[in-house]
Full PDB file with SEQRES, HELIX, SHEET, SSBOND, CRYST1, ORIGX, SCALE, CONECT and MASTER records, all heavy atoms in Angstrom:
SEQRES   1 A   44  ASP PHE VAL VAL ASP ASP LEU PRO SER ALA ILE ASP ARG          
SEQRES   2 A   44  ALA MET GLN ALA GLY ALA VAL ILE GLU ASP ALA MET ARG          
SEQRES   3 A   44  THR GLU SER TRP GLY ARG ILE ALA HIS PHE ALA ASP PRO          
SEQRES   4 A   44  PHE GLY ASN GLY PHE                                          
HELIX    1 AA1 LEU A    7  ALA A   17  1                                  11    
SHEET    1 AA1 2 VAL A  20  THR A  27  0                                        
SHEET    2 AA1 2 ARG A  32  ALA A  37 -1                                        
CRYST1    1.000    1.000    1.000  90.00  90.00  90.00 P 1           1          
ORIGX1      1.000000  0.000000  0.000000        0.00000                         
ORIGX2      0.000000  1.000000  0.000000        0.00000                         
ORIGX3      0.000000  0.000000  1.000000        0.00000                         
SCALE1      1.000000  0.000000  0.000000        0.00000                         
SCALE2      0.000000  1.000000  0.000000        0.00000                         
SCALE3      0.000000  0.000000  1.000000        0.00000                         
ATOM      1  N   ASP A   1     -94.253-134.211-133.413  1.00  0.00           N  
ATOM      2  CA  ASP A   1     -95.388-134.720-134.204  1.00  0.00           C  
ATOM      3  C   ASP A   1     -96.152-135.756-133.419  1.00  0.00           C  
ATOM      4  O   ASP A   1     -95.595-136.734-132.875  1.00  0.00           O  
ATOM      5  CB  ASP A   1     -94.795-135.472-135.470  1.00  0.00           C  
ATOM      6  CG  ASP A   1     -94.202-134.439-136.475  1.00  0.00           C  
ATOM      7  OD1 ASP A   1     -94.452-133.296-136.343  1.00  0.00           O  
ATOM      8  OD2 ASP A   1     -93.550-135.014-137.483  1.00  0.00           O  
ATOM      9  N   PHE A   2     -97.404-135.529-133.270  1.00  0.00           N  
ATOM     10  CA  PHE A   2     -98.283-136.514-132.517  1.00  0.00           C  
ATOM     11  C   PHE A   2     -99.091-137.277-133.584  1.00  0.00           C  
ATOM     12  O   PHE A   2     -99.817-136.649-134.385  1.00  0.00           O  
ATOM     13  CB  PHE A   2     -99.253-135.777-131.538  1.00  0.00           C  
ATOM     14  CG  PHE A   2     -98.507-135.077-130.419  1.00  0.00           C  
ATOM     15  CD1 PHE A   2     -98.093-133.786-130.478  1.00  0.00           C  
ATOM     16  CD2 PHE A   2     -98.114-135.840-129.318  1.00  0.00           C  
ATOM     17  CE1 PHE A   2     -97.413-133.171-129.504  1.00  0.00           C  
ATOM     18  CE2 PHE A   2     -97.412-135.242-128.300  1.00  0.00           C  
ATOM     19  CZ  PHE A   2     -97.050-133.926-128.361  1.00  0.00           C  
ATOM     20  N   VAL A   3     -98.958-138.581-133.634  1.00  0.00           N  
ATOM     21  CA  VAL A   3     -99.763-139.452-134.537  1.00  0.00           C  
ATOM     22  C   VAL A   3    -101.019-139.751-133.900  1.00  0.00           C  
ATOM     23  O   VAL A   3    -101.123-140.227-132.865  1.00  0.00           O  
ATOM     24  CB  VAL A   3     -98.850-140.745-134.927  1.00  0.00           C  
ATOM     25  CG1 VAL A   3     -99.682-141.630-135.882  1.00  0.00           C  
ATOM     26  CG2 VAL A   3     -97.519-140.446-135.419  1.00  0.00           C  
ATOM     27  N   VAL A   4    -102.089-139.459-134.725  1.00  0.00           N  
ATOM     28  CA  VAL A   4    -103.432-139.684-134.251  1.00  0.00           C  
ATOM     29  C   VAL A   4    -104.190-140.670-135.190  1.00  0.00           C  
ATOM     30  O   VAL A   4    -103.795-140.846-136.344  1.00  0.00           O  
ATOM     31  CB  VAL A   4    -104.218-138.398-134.117  1.00  0.00           C  
ATOM     32  CG1 VAL A   4    -103.569-137.464-133.033  1.00  0.00           C  
ATOM     33  CG2 VAL A   4    -104.336-137.684-135.414  1.00  0.00           C  
ATOM     34  N   ASP A   5    -105.287-141.238-134.737  1.00  0.00           N  
ATOM     35  CA  ASP A   5    -106.108-142.118-135.585  1.00  0.00           C  
ATOM     36  C   ASP A   5    -107.092-141.361-136.498  1.00  0.00           C  
ATOM     37  O   ASP A   5    -107.440-141.901-137.561  1.00  0.00           O  
ATOM     38  CB  ASP A   5    -106.782-143.152-134.710  1.00  0.00           C  
ATOM     39  CG  ASP A   5    -105.890-144.121-134.002  1.00  0.00           C  
ATOM     40  OD1 ASP A   5    -104.776-144.432-134.639  1.00  0.00           O  
ATOM     41  OD2 ASP A   5    -106.146-144.572-132.912  1.00  0.00           O  
ATOM     42  N   ASP A   6    -107.556-140.268-136.034  1.00  0.00           N  
ATOM     43  CA  ASP A   6    -108.577-139.469-136.678  1.00  0.00           C  
ATOM     44  C   ASP A   6    -108.168-138.014-136.652  1.00  0.00           C  
ATOM     45  O   ASP A   6    -108.482-137.249-135.731  1.00  0.00           O  
ATOM     46  CB  ASP A   6    -109.937-139.756-136.016  1.00  0.00           C  
ATOM     47  CG  ASP A   6    -111.096-138.926-136.653  1.00  0.00           C  
ATOM     48  OD1 ASP A   6    -110.896-138.159-137.564  1.00  0.00           O  
ATOM     49  OD2 ASP A   6    -112.214-139.105-136.077  1.00  0.00           O  
ATOM     50  N   LEU A   7    -107.548-137.563-137.777  1.00  0.00           N  
ATOM     51  CA  LEU A   7    -106.973-136.209-137.793  1.00  0.00           C  
ATOM     52  C   LEU A   7    -108.130-135.120-137.613  1.00  0.00           C  
ATOM     53  O   LEU A   7    -107.912-134.195-136.820  1.00  0.00           O  
ATOM     54  CB  LEU A   7    -106.192-135.957-138.968  1.00  0.00           C  
ATOM     55  CG  LEU A   7    -105.398-134.605-138.954  1.00  0.00           C  
ATOM     56  CD1 LEU A   7    -104.480-134.443-137.769  1.00  0.00           C  
ATOM     57  CD2 LEU A   7    -104.564-134.531-140.337  1.00  0.00           C  
ATOM     58  N   PRO A   8    -109.188-135.165-138.305  1.00  0.00           N  
ATOM     59  CA  PRO A   8    -110.182-134.164-138.085  1.00  0.00           C  
ATOM     60  C   PRO A   8    -110.607-133.895-136.672  1.00  0.00           C  
ATOM     61  O   PRO A   8    -110.756-132.830-136.063  1.00  0.00           O  
ATOM     62  CB  PRO A   8    -111.325-134.507-139.030  1.00  0.00           C  
ATOM     63  CG  PRO A   8    -110.700-135.243-140.129  1.00  0.00           C  
ATOM     64  CD  PRO A   8    -109.580-135.980-139.458  1.00  0.00           C  
ATOM     65  N   SER A   9    -110.878-135.079-135.964  1.00  0.00           N  
ATOM     66  CA  SER A   9    -111.297-134.980-134.543  1.00  0.00           C  
ATOM     67  C   SER A   9    -110.110-134.445-133.768  1.00  0.00           C  
ATOM     68  O   SER A   9    -110.446-133.672-132.783  1.00  0.00           O  
ATOM     69  CB  SER A   9    -111.663-136.420-134.099  1.00  0.00           C  
ATOM     70  OG  SER A   9    -112.814-136.932-134.761  1.00  0.00           O  
ATOM     71  N   ALA A  10    -108.924-134.840-133.981  1.00  0.00           N  
ATOM     72  CA  ALA A  10    -107.747-134.352-133.196  1.00  0.00           C  
ATOM     73  C   ALA A  10    -107.578-132.837-133.434  1.00  0.00           C  
ATOM     74  O   ALA A  10    -107.224-132.160-132.466  1.00  0.00           O  
ATOM     75  CB  ALA A  10    -106.533-135.164-133.628  1.00  0.00           C  
ATOM     76  N   ILE A  11    -107.898-132.395-134.642  1.00  0.00           N  
ATOM     77  CA  ILE A  11    -107.723-130.977-134.866  1.00  0.00           C  
ATOM     78  C   ILE A  11    -108.793-130.228-134.077  1.00  0.00           C  
ATOM     79  O   ILE A  11    -108.451-129.248-133.403  1.00  0.00           O  
ATOM     80  CB  ILE A  11    -107.916-130.645-136.393  1.00  0.00           C  
ATOM     81  CG1 ILE A  11    -106.725-131.198-137.222  1.00  0.00           C  
ATOM     82  CG2 ILE A  11    -108.205-129.161-136.667  1.00  0.00           C  
ATOM     83  CD1 ILE A  11    -106.838-131.094-138.709  1.00  0.00           C  
ATOM     84  N   ASP A  12    -109.968-130.666-134.018  1.00  0.00           N  
ATOM     85  CA  ASP A  12    -111.026-130.044-133.253  1.00  0.00           C  
ATOM     86  C   ASP A  12    -110.639-130.046-131.774  1.00  0.00           C  
ATOM     87  O   ASP A  12    -110.740-128.947-131.096  1.00  0.00           O  
ATOM     88  CB  ASP A  12    -112.377-130.714-133.389  1.00  0.00           C  
ATOM     89  CG  ASP A  12    -112.947-130.491-134.840  1.00  0.00           C  
ATOM     90  OD1 ASP A  12    -112.615-129.573-135.545  1.00  0.00           O  
ATOM     91  OD2 ASP A  12    -113.888-131.332-135.197  1.00  0.00           O  
ATOM     92  N   ARG A  13    -110.182-131.105-131.272  1.00  0.00           N  
ATOM     93  CA  ARG A  13    -109.792-131.204-129.829  1.00  0.00           C  
ATOM     94  C   ARG A  13    -108.680-130.215-129.529  1.00  0.00           C  
ATOM     95  O   ARG A  13    -108.699-129.559-128.485  1.00  0.00           O  
ATOM     96  CB  ARG A  13    -109.478-132.660-129.531  1.00  0.00           C  
ATOM     97  CG  ARG A  13    -109.312-132.992-128.031  1.00  0.00           C  
ATOM     98  CD  ARG A  13    -109.189-134.502-127.700  1.00  0.00           C  
ATOM     99  NE  ARG A  13    -108.112-135.126-128.484  1.00  0.00           N  
ATOM    100  CZ  ARG A  13    -108.262-135.985-129.465  1.00  0.00           C  
ATOM    101  NH1 ARG A  13    -109.475-136.340-129.803  1.00  0.00           N  
ATOM    102  NH2 ARG A  13    -107.207-136.565-130.024  1.00  0.00           N  
ATOM    103  N   ALA A  14    -107.651-130.209-130.287  1.00  0.00           N  
ATOM    104  CA  ALA A  14    -106.514-129.354-130.114  1.00  0.00           C  
ATOM    105  C   ALA A  14    -106.987-127.879-130.153  1.00  0.00           C  
ATOM    106  O   ALA A  14    -106.553-127.065-129.286  1.00  0.00           O  
ATOM    107  CB  ALA A  14    -105.381-129.556-131.146  1.00  0.00           C  
ATOM    108  N   MET A  15    -107.758-127.494-131.137  1.00  0.00           N  
ATOM    109  CA  MET A  15    -108.176-126.061-131.153  1.00  0.00           C  
ATOM    110  C   MET A  15    -109.113-125.716-130.028  1.00  0.00           C  
ATOM    111  O   MET A  15    -109.010-124.660-129.409  1.00  0.00           O  
ATOM    112  CB  MET A  15    -108.874-125.853-132.526  1.00  0.00           C  
ATOM    113  CG  MET A  15    -107.851-125.947-133.662  1.00  0.00           C  
ATOM    114  SD  MET A  15    -108.539-125.619-135.330  1.00  0.00           S  
ATOM    115  CE  MET A  15    -109.011-123.906-135.139  1.00  0.00           C  
ATOM    116  N   GLN A  16    -109.974-126.603-129.513  1.00  0.00           N  
ATOM    117  CA  GLN A  16    -110.777-126.328-128.349  1.00  0.00           C  
ATOM    118  C   GLN A  16    -109.938-126.111-127.117  1.00  0.00           C  
ATOM    119  O   GLN A  16    -110.348-125.431-126.253  1.00  0.00           O  
ATOM    120  CB  GLN A  16    -111.800-127.533-128.225  1.00  0.00           C  
ATOM    121  CG  GLN A  16    -112.882-127.495-129.167  1.00  0.00           C  
ATOM    122  CD  GLN A  16    -113.842-128.637-129.071  1.00  0.00           C  
ATOM    123  OE1 GLN A  16    -113.873-129.366-128.060  1.00  0.00           O  
ATOM    124  NE2 GLN A  16    -114.713-128.828-130.043  1.00  0.00           N  
ATOM    125  N   ALA A  17    -108.809-126.835-127.095  1.00  0.00           N  
ATOM    126  CA  ALA A  17    -107.863-126.710-125.929  1.00  0.00           C  
ATOM    127  C   ALA A  17    -107.008-125.452-126.001  1.00  0.00           C  
ATOM    128  O   ALA A  17    -106.302-125.086-125.089  1.00  0.00           O  
ATOM    129  CB  ALA A  17    -107.066-127.910-125.807  1.00  0.00           C  
ATOM    130  N   GLY A  18    -107.034-124.789-127.195  1.00  0.00           N  
ATOM    131  CA  GLY A  18    -106.283-123.441-127.329  1.00  0.00           C  
ATOM    132  C   GLY A  18    -105.209-123.494-128.289  1.00  0.00           C  
ATOM    133  O   GLY A  18    -104.412-122.537-128.394  1.00  0.00           O  
ATOM    134  N   ALA A  19    -105.079-124.524-129.067  1.00  0.00           N  
ATOM    135  CA  ALA A  19    -104.026-124.530-130.142  1.00  0.00           C  
ATOM    136  C   ALA A  19    -104.423-123.624-131.280  1.00  0.00           C  
ATOM    137  O   ALA A  19    -105.562-123.306-131.518  1.00  0.00           O  
ATOM    138  CB  ALA A  19    -103.875-125.927-130.761  1.00  0.00           C  
ATOM    139  N   VAL A  20    -103.386-123.068-131.951  1.00  0.00           N  
ATOM    140  CA  VAL A  20    -103.602-122.199-133.103  1.00  0.00           C  
ATOM    141  C   VAL A  20    -103.220-122.971-134.268  1.00  0.00           C  
ATOM    142  O   VAL A  20    -102.030-123.462-134.379  1.00  0.00           O  
ATOM    143  CB  VAL A  20    -102.724-120.958-132.981  1.00  0.00           C  
ATOM    144  CG1 VAL A  20    -102.919-120.118-134.269  1.00  0.00           C  
ATOM    145  CG2 VAL A  20    -103.109-120.174-131.778  1.00  0.00           C  
ATOM    146  N   ILE A  21    -104.118-123.152-135.236  1.00  0.00           N  
ATOM    147  CA  ILE A  21    -103.737-123.988-136.438  1.00  0.00           C  
ATOM    148  C   ILE A  21    -103.012-123.044-137.370  1.00  0.00           C  
ATOM    149  O   ILE A  21    -103.401-121.854-137.533  1.00  0.00           O  
ATOM    150  CB  ILE A  21    -105.017-124.523-137.122  1.00  0.00           C  
ATOM    151  CG1 ILE A  21    -104.494-125.483-138.335  1.00  0.00           C  
ATOM    152  CG2 ILE A  21    -105.913-123.544-137.600  1.00  0.00           C  
ATOM    153  CD1 ILE A  21    -105.631-126.549-138.625  1.00  0.00           C  
ATOM    154  N   GLU A  22    -101.931-123.416-137.952  1.00  0.00           N  
ATOM    155  CA  GLU A  22    -101.055-122.582-138.788  1.00  0.00           C  
ATOM    156  C   GLU A  22    -101.137-122.984-140.233  1.00  0.00           C  
ATOM    157  O   GLU A  22    -100.908-122.120-141.122  1.00  0.00           O  
ATOM    158  CB  GLU A  22     -99.605-122.641-138.239  1.00  0.00           C  
ATOM    159  CG  GLU A  22     -99.561-122.034-136.827  1.00  0.00           C  
ATOM    160  CD  GLU A  22     -98.150-121.995-136.325  1.00  0.00           C  
ATOM    161  OE1 GLU A  22     -97.280-122.814-136.607  1.00  0.00           O  
ATOM    162  OE2 GLU A  22     -97.821-120.926-135.630  1.00  0.00           O  
ATOM    163  N   ASP A  23    -101.348-124.187-140.543  1.00  0.00           N  
ATOM    164  CA  ASP A  23    -101.483-124.669-141.897  1.00  0.00           C  
ATOM    165  C   ASP A  23    -102.619-125.659-141.885  1.00  0.00           C  
ATOM    166  O   ASP A  23    -102.680-126.606-141.023  1.00  0.00           O  
ATOM    167  CB  ASP A  23    -100.215-125.414-142.432  1.00  0.00           C  
ATOM    168  CG  ASP A  23     -99.112-124.364-142.724  1.00  0.00           C  
ATOM    169  OD1 ASP A  23     -99.441-123.333-143.387  1.00  0.00           O  
ATOM    170  OD2 ASP A  23     -97.934-124.693-142.364  1.00  0.00           O  
ATOM    171  N   ALA A  24    -103.637-125.524-142.741  1.00  0.00           N  
ATOM    172  CA  ALA A  24    -104.778-126.364-142.832  1.00  0.00           C  
ATOM    173  C   ALA A  24    -104.328-127.841-143.149  1.00  0.00           C  
ATOM    174  O   ALA A  24    -103.219-128.014-143.685  1.00  0.00           O  
ATOM    175  CB  ALA A  24    -105.754-125.906-143.818  1.00  0.00           C  
ATOM    176  N   MET A  25    -105.134-128.730-142.770  1.00  0.00           N  
ATOM    177  CA  MET A  25    -104.857-130.173-143.008  1.00  0.00           C  
ATOM    178  C   MET A  25    -104.603-130.329-144.520  1.00  0.00           C  
ATOM    179  O   MET A  25    -105.344-129.842-145.363  1.00  0.00           O  
ATOM    180  CB  MET A  25    -106.028-131.027-142.664  1.00  0.00           C  
ATOM    181  CG  MET A  25    -105.867-132.476-142.826  1.00  0.00           C  
ATOM    182  SD  MET A  25    -107.216-133.440-142.246  1.00  0.00           S  
ATOM    183  CE  MET A  25    -108.590-132.916-143.270  1.00  0.00           C  
ATOM    184  N   ARG A  26    -103.549-131.065-144.827  1.00  0.00           N  
ATOM    185  CA  ARG A  26    -103.251-131.444-146.247  1.00  0.00           C  
ATOM    186  C   ARG A  26    -103.008-133.020-146.247  1.00  0.00           C  
ATOM    187  O   ARG A  26    -102.601-133.535-145.328  1.00  0.00           O  
ATOM    188  CB  ARG A  26    -102.095-130.637-146.781  1.00  0.00           C  
ATOM    189  CG  ARG A  26    -100.739-131.098-146.367  1.00  0.00           C  
ATOM    190  CD  ARG A  26     -99.608-130.270-147.052  1.00  0.00           C  
ATOM    191  NE  ARG A  26     -98.359-130.913-146.892  1.00  0.00           N  
ATOM    192  CZ  ARG A  26     -97.442-130.650-145.897  1.00  0.00           C  
ATOM    193  NH1 ARG A  26     -97.790-129.688-145.010  1.00  0.00           N  
ATOM    194  NH2 ARG A  26     -96.338-131.288-145.807  1.00  0.00           N  
ATOM    195  N   THR A  27    -103.223-133.512-147.487  1.00  0.00           N  
ATOM    196  CA  THR A  27    -103.120-134.986-147.593  1.00  0.00           C  
ATOM    197  C   THR A  27    -101.854-135.238-148.479  1.00  0.00           C  
ATOM    198  O   THR A  27    -101.747-134.665-149.583  1.00  0.00           O  
ATOM    199  CB  THR A  27    -104.417-135.485-148.226  1.00  0.00           C  
ATOM    200  OG1 THR A  27    -105.457-135.257-147.298  1.00  0.00           O  
ATOM    201  CG2 THR A  27    -104.201-137.053-148.417  1.00  0.00           C  
ATOM    202  N   GLU A  28    -101.068-136.206-148.112  1.00  0.00           N  
ATOM    203  CA  GLU A  28     -99.902-136.611-148.941  1.00  0.00           C  
ATOM    204  C   GLU A  28    -100.131-138.160-149.137  1.00  0.00           C  
ATOM    205  O   GLU A  28    -101.084-138.742-148.625  1.00  0.00           O  
ATOM    206  CB  GLU A  28     -98.601-136.464-148.079  1.00  0.00           C  
ATOM    207  CG  GLU A  28     -98.399-135.027-147.682  1.00  0.00           C  
ATOM    208  CD  GLU A  28     -98.103-134.117-148.787  1.00  0.00           C  
ATOM    209  OE1 GLU A  28     -97.623-134.549-149.961  1.00  0.00           O  
ATOM    210  OE2 GLU A  28     -98.196-132.847-148.612  1.00  0.00           O  
ATOM    211  N   SER A  29     -99.189-138.771-149.904  1.00  0.00           N  
ATOM    212  CA  SER A  29     -99.417-140.194-150.205  1.00  0.00           C  
ATOM    213  C   SER A  29     -99.284-141.037-148.903  1.00  0.00           C  
ATOM    214  O   SER A  29     -99.854-142.089-148.755  1.00  0.00           O  
ATOM    215  CB  SER A  29     -98.419-140.636-151.205  1.00  0.00           C  
ATOM    216  OG  SER A  29     -97.056-140.476-150.751  1.00  0.00           O  
ATOM    217  N   TRP A  30     -98.509-140.473-147.964  1.00  0.00           N  
ATOM    218  CA  TRP A  30     -98.264-141.318-146.616  1.00  0.00           C  
ATOM    219  C   TRP A  30     -99.361-141.020-145.586  1.00  0.00           C  
ATOM    220  O   TRP A  30     -99.478-141.729-144.648  1.00  0.00           O  
ATOM    221  CB  TRP A  30     -96.831-141.008-146.117  1.00  0.00           C  
ATOM    222  CG  TRP A  30     -96.708-139.535-146.024  1.00  0.00           C  
ATOM    223  CD1 TRP A  30     -96.113-138.652-146.939  1.00  0.00           C  
ATOM    224  CD2 TRP A  30     -96.996-138.699-144.957  1.00  0.00           C  
ATOM    225  NE1 TRP A  30     -95.995-137.358-146.475  1.00  0.00           N  
ATOM    226  CE2 TRP A  30     -96.529-137.350-145.253  1.00  0.00           C  
ATOM    227  CE3 TRP A  30     -97.653-138.867-143.701  1.00  0.00           C  
ATOM    228  CZ2 TRP A  30     -96.868-136.252-144.344  1.00  0.00           C  
ATOM    229  CZ3 TRP A  30     -97.849-137.791-142.855  1.00  0.00           C  
ATOM    230  CH2 TRP A  30     -97.420-136.541-143.243  1.00  0.00           C  
ATOM    231  N   GLY A  31    -100.058-139.837-145.717  1.00  0.00           N  
ATOM    232  CA  GLY A  31    -101.082-139.600-144.701  1.00  0.00           C  
ATOM    233  C   GLY A  31    -101.470-138.165-144.701  1.00  0.00           C  
ATOM    234  O   GLY A  31    -101.292-137.461-145.741  1.00  0.00           O  
ATOM    235  N   ARG A  32    -102.077-137.661-143.678  1.00  0.00           N  
ATOM    236  CA  ARG A  32    -102.545-136.321-143.499  1.00  0.00           C  
ATOM    237  C   ARG A  32    -101.882-135.579-142.367  1.00  0.00           C  
ATOM    238  O   ARG A  32    -101.574-136.282-141.354  1.00  0.00           O  
ATOM    239  CB  ARG A  32    -104.122-136.324-143.273  1.00  0.00           C  
ATOM    240  CG  ARG A  32    -104.843-137.008-144.367  1.00  0.00           C  
ATOM    241  CD  ARG A  32    -106.321-136.902-144.262  1.00  0.00           C  
ATOM    242  NE  ARG A  32    -106.897-137.449-143.153  1.00  0.00           N  
ATOM    243  CZ  ARG A  32    -108.223-137.386-142.874  1.00  0.00           C  
ATOM    244  NH1 ARG A  32    -109.022-136.852-143.722  1.00  0.00           N  
ATOM    245  NH2 ARG A  32    -108.711-138.014-141.804  1.00  0.00           N  
ATOM    246  N   ILE A  33    -101.690-134.323-142.536  1.00  0.00           N  
ATOM    247  CA  ILE A  33    -100.925-133.541-141.541  1.00  0.00           C  
ATOM    248  C   ILE A  33    -101.532-132.204-141.368  1.00  0.00           C  
ATOM    249  O   ILE A  33    -102.050-131.584-142.342  1.00  0.00           O  
ATOM    250  CB  ILE A  33     -99.441-133.507-141.874  1.00  0.00           C  
ATOM    251  CG1 ILE A  33     -98.657-132.848-140.729  1.00  0.00           C  
ATOM    252  CG2 ILE A  33     -99.175-132.787-143.263  1.00  0.00           C  
ATOM    253  CD1 ILE A  33     -97.079-132.962-140.936  1.00  0.00           C  
ATOM    254  N   ALA A  34    -101.458-131.502-140.140  1.00  0.00           N  
ATOM    255  CA  ALA A  34    -101.770-130.218-139.888  1.00  0.00           C  
ATOM    256  C   ALA A  34    -100.782-129.612-138.918  1.00  0.00           C  
ATOM    257  O   ALA A  34    -100.278-130.288-138.012  1.00  0.00           O  
ATOM    258  CB  ALA A  34    -103.140-130.058-139.290  1.00  0.00           C  
ATOM    259  N   HIS A  35    -100.332-128.344-139.131  1.00  0.00           N  
ATOM    260  CA  HIS A  35     -99.439-127.627-138.282  1.00  0.00           C  
ATOM    261  C   HIS A  35    -100.121-126.736-137.315  1.00  0.00           C  
ATOM    262  O   HIS A  35    -101.034-125.993-137.663  1.00  0.00           O  
ATOM    263  CB  HIS A  35     -98.493-126.907-139.209  1.00  0.00           C  
ATOM    264  CG  HIS A  35     -97.724-127.626-140.122  1.00  0.00           C  
ATOM    265  ND1 HIS A  35     -98.174-127.941-141.373  1.00  0.00           N  
ATOM    266  CD2 HIS A  35     -96.554-128.261-140.022  1.00  0.00           C  
ATOM    267  CE1 HIS A  35     -97.305-128.663-142.033  1.00  0.00           C  
ATOM    268  NE2 HIS A  35     -96.285-128.924-141.232  1.00  0.00           N  
ATOM    269  N   PHE A  36     -99.548-126.708-136.072  1.00  0.00           N  
ATOM    270  CA  PHE A  36    -100.065-125.884-135.032  1.00  0.00           C  
ATOM    271  C   PHE A  36     -99.055-125.145-134.165  1.00  0.00           C  
ATOM    272  O   PHE A  36     -97.902-125.537-134.230  1.00  0.00           O  
ATOM    273  CB  PHE A  36    -100.872-126.844-134.000  1.00  0.00           C  
ATOM    274  CG  PHE A  36    -102.077-127.510-134.610  1.00  0.00           C  
ATOM    275  CD1 PHE A  36    -101.884-128.678-135.196  1.00  0.00           C  
ATOM    276  CD2 PHE A  36    -103.266-126.905-134.420  1.00  0.00           C  
ATOM    277  CE1 PHE A  36    -103.085-129.282-135.674  1.00  0.00           C  
ATOM    278  CE2 PHE A  36    -104.449-127.576-134.974  1.00  0.00           C  
ATOM    279  CZ  PHE A  36    -104.277-128.766-135.605  1.00  0.00           C  
ATOM    280  N   ALA A  37     -99.443-124.269-133.303  1.00  0.00           N  
ATOM    281  CA  ALA A  37     -98.688-123.769-132.228  1.00  0.00           C  
ATOM    282  C   ALA A  37     -99.479-123.929-130.945  1.00  0.00           C  
ATOM    283  O   ALA A  37    -100.738-123.728-130.971  1.00  0.00           O  
ATOM    284  CB  ALA A  37     -98.395-122.274-132.375  1.00  0.00           C  
ATOM    285  N   ASP A  38     -98.838-124.343-129.894  1.00  0.00           N  
ATOM    286  CA  ASP A  38     -99.531-124.416-128.536  1.00  0.00           C  
ATOM    287  C   ASP A  38     -99.695-122.997-128.052  1.00  0.00           C  
ATOM    288  O   ASP A  38     -99.147-122.039-128.632  1.00  0.00           O  
ATOM    289  CB  ASP A  38     -98.842-125.417-127.636  1.00  0.00           C  
ATOM    290  CG  ASP A  38     -97.579-124.885-127.071  1.00  0.00           C  
ATOM    291  OD1 ASP A  38     -97.158-123.726-127.227  1.00  0.00           O  
ATOM    292  OD2 ASP A  38     -96.814-125.789-126.410  1.00  0.00           O  
ATOM    293  N   PRO A  39    -100.428-122.797-126.930  1.00  0.00           N  
ATOM    294  CA  PRO A  39    -100.555-121.456-126.330  1.00  0.00           C  
ATOM    295  C   PRO A  39     -99.248-120.787-125.930  1.00  0.00           C  
ATOM    296  O   PRO A  39     -99.317-119.598-125.646  1.00  0.00           O  
ATOM    297  CB  PRO A  39    -101.485-121.726-125.247  1.00  0.00           C  
ATOM    298  CG  PRO A  39    -102.219-122.991-125.473  1.00  0.00           C  
ATOM    299  CD  PRO A  39    -101.169-123.808-126.194  1.00  0.00           C  
ATOM    300  N   PHE A  40     -98.091-121.496-125.894  1.00  0.00           N  
ATOM    301  CA  PHE A  40     -96.875-120.901-125.528  1.00  0.00           C  
ATOM    302  C   PHE A  40     -95.912-120.760-126.600  1.00  0.00           C  
ATOM    303  O   PHE A  40     -94.699-120.423-126.427  1.00  0.00           O  
ATOM    304  CB  PHE A  40     -96.285-121.945-124.375  1.00  0.00           C  
ATOM    305  CG  PHE A  40     -97.145-122.047-123.238  1.00  0.00           C  
ATOM    306  CD1 PHE A  40     -98.127-122.967-123.258  1.00  0.00           C  
ATOM    307  CD2 PHE A  40     -97.064-121.199-122.162  1.00  0.00           C  
ATOM    308  CE1 PHE A  40     -98.996-123.150-122.125  1.00  0.00           C  
ATOM    309  CE2 PHE A  40     -97.876-121.344-121.085  1.00  0.00           C  
ATOM    310  CZ  PHE A  40     -98.839-122.224-121.035  1.00  0.00           C  
ATOM    311  N   GLY A  41     -96.385-120.834-127.897  1.00  0.00           N  
ATOM    312  CA  GLY A  41     -95.559-120.580-129.036  1.00  0.00           C  
ATOM    313  C   GLY A  41     -94.792-121.821-129.544  1.00  0.00           C  
ATOM    314  O   GLY A  41     -93.958-121.607-130.562  1.00  0.00           O  
ATOM    315  N   ASN A  42     -94.876-122.906-128.894  1.00  0.00           N  
ATOM    316  CA  ASN A  42     -94.204-124.137-129.414  1.00  0.00           C  
ATOM    317  C   ASN A  42     -94.919-124.777-130.587  1.00  0.00           C  
ATOM    318  O   ASN A  42     -96.177-124.996-130.503  1.00  0.00           O  
ATOM    319  CB  ASN A  42     -94.179-125.138-128.295  1.00  0.00           C  
ATOM    320  CG  ASN A  42     -93.353-124.630-127.115  1.00  0.00           C  
ATOM    321  OD1 ASN A  42     -92.267-124.245-127.224  1.00  0.00           O  
ATOM    322  ND2 ASN A  42     -93.953-124.647-125.954  1.00  0.00           N  
ATOM    323  N   GLY A  43     -94.247-125.024-131.719  1.00  0.00           N  
ATOM    324  CA  GLY A  43     -94.862-125.650-132.801  1.00  0.00           C  
ATOM    325  C   GLY A  43     -94.993-127.148-132.622  1.00  0.00           C  
ATOM    326  O   GLY A  43     -94.166-127.791-132.021  1.00  0.00           O  
ATOM    327  N   PHE A  44     -96.011-127.680-133.211  1.00  0.00           N  
ATOM    328  CA  PHE A  44     -96.204-129.207-133.236  1.00  0.00           C  
ATOM    329  C   PHE A  44     -97.135-129.554-134.406  1.00  0.00           C  
ATOM    330  O   PHE A  44     -97.767-128.690-134.956  1.00  0.00           O  
ATOM    331  CB  PHE A  44     -96.817-129.674-131.926  1.00  0.00           C  
ATOM    332  CG  PHE A  44     -98.207-129.334-131.631  1.00  0.00           C  
ATOM    333  CD1 PHE A  44     -99.245-130.240-131.946  1.00  0.00           C  
ATOM    334  CD2 PHE A  44     -98.547-128.187-130.975  1.00  0.00           C  
ATOM    335  CE1 PHE A  44    -100.577-129.884-131.678  1.00  0.00           C  
ATOM    336  CE2 PHE A  44     -99.845-127.848-130.796  1.00  0.00           C  
ATOM    337  CZ  PHE A  44    -100.812-128.648-131.064  1.00  0.00           C  
TER     338      PHE A  44                                                      
MASTER        0    0    0    1    2    0    0    6  337    1    0    4          
END                                                                             
């Protein structure tokens, strides 16, 4: 899990680098999260 200051910007940057988004950003009481796979199949 990588903690970022601005999730929408981090999502854009990850996707431009080749990440595959697997679950759209969702908001919880503690914060916001989005699920990805890197180009090698590793989830993060």
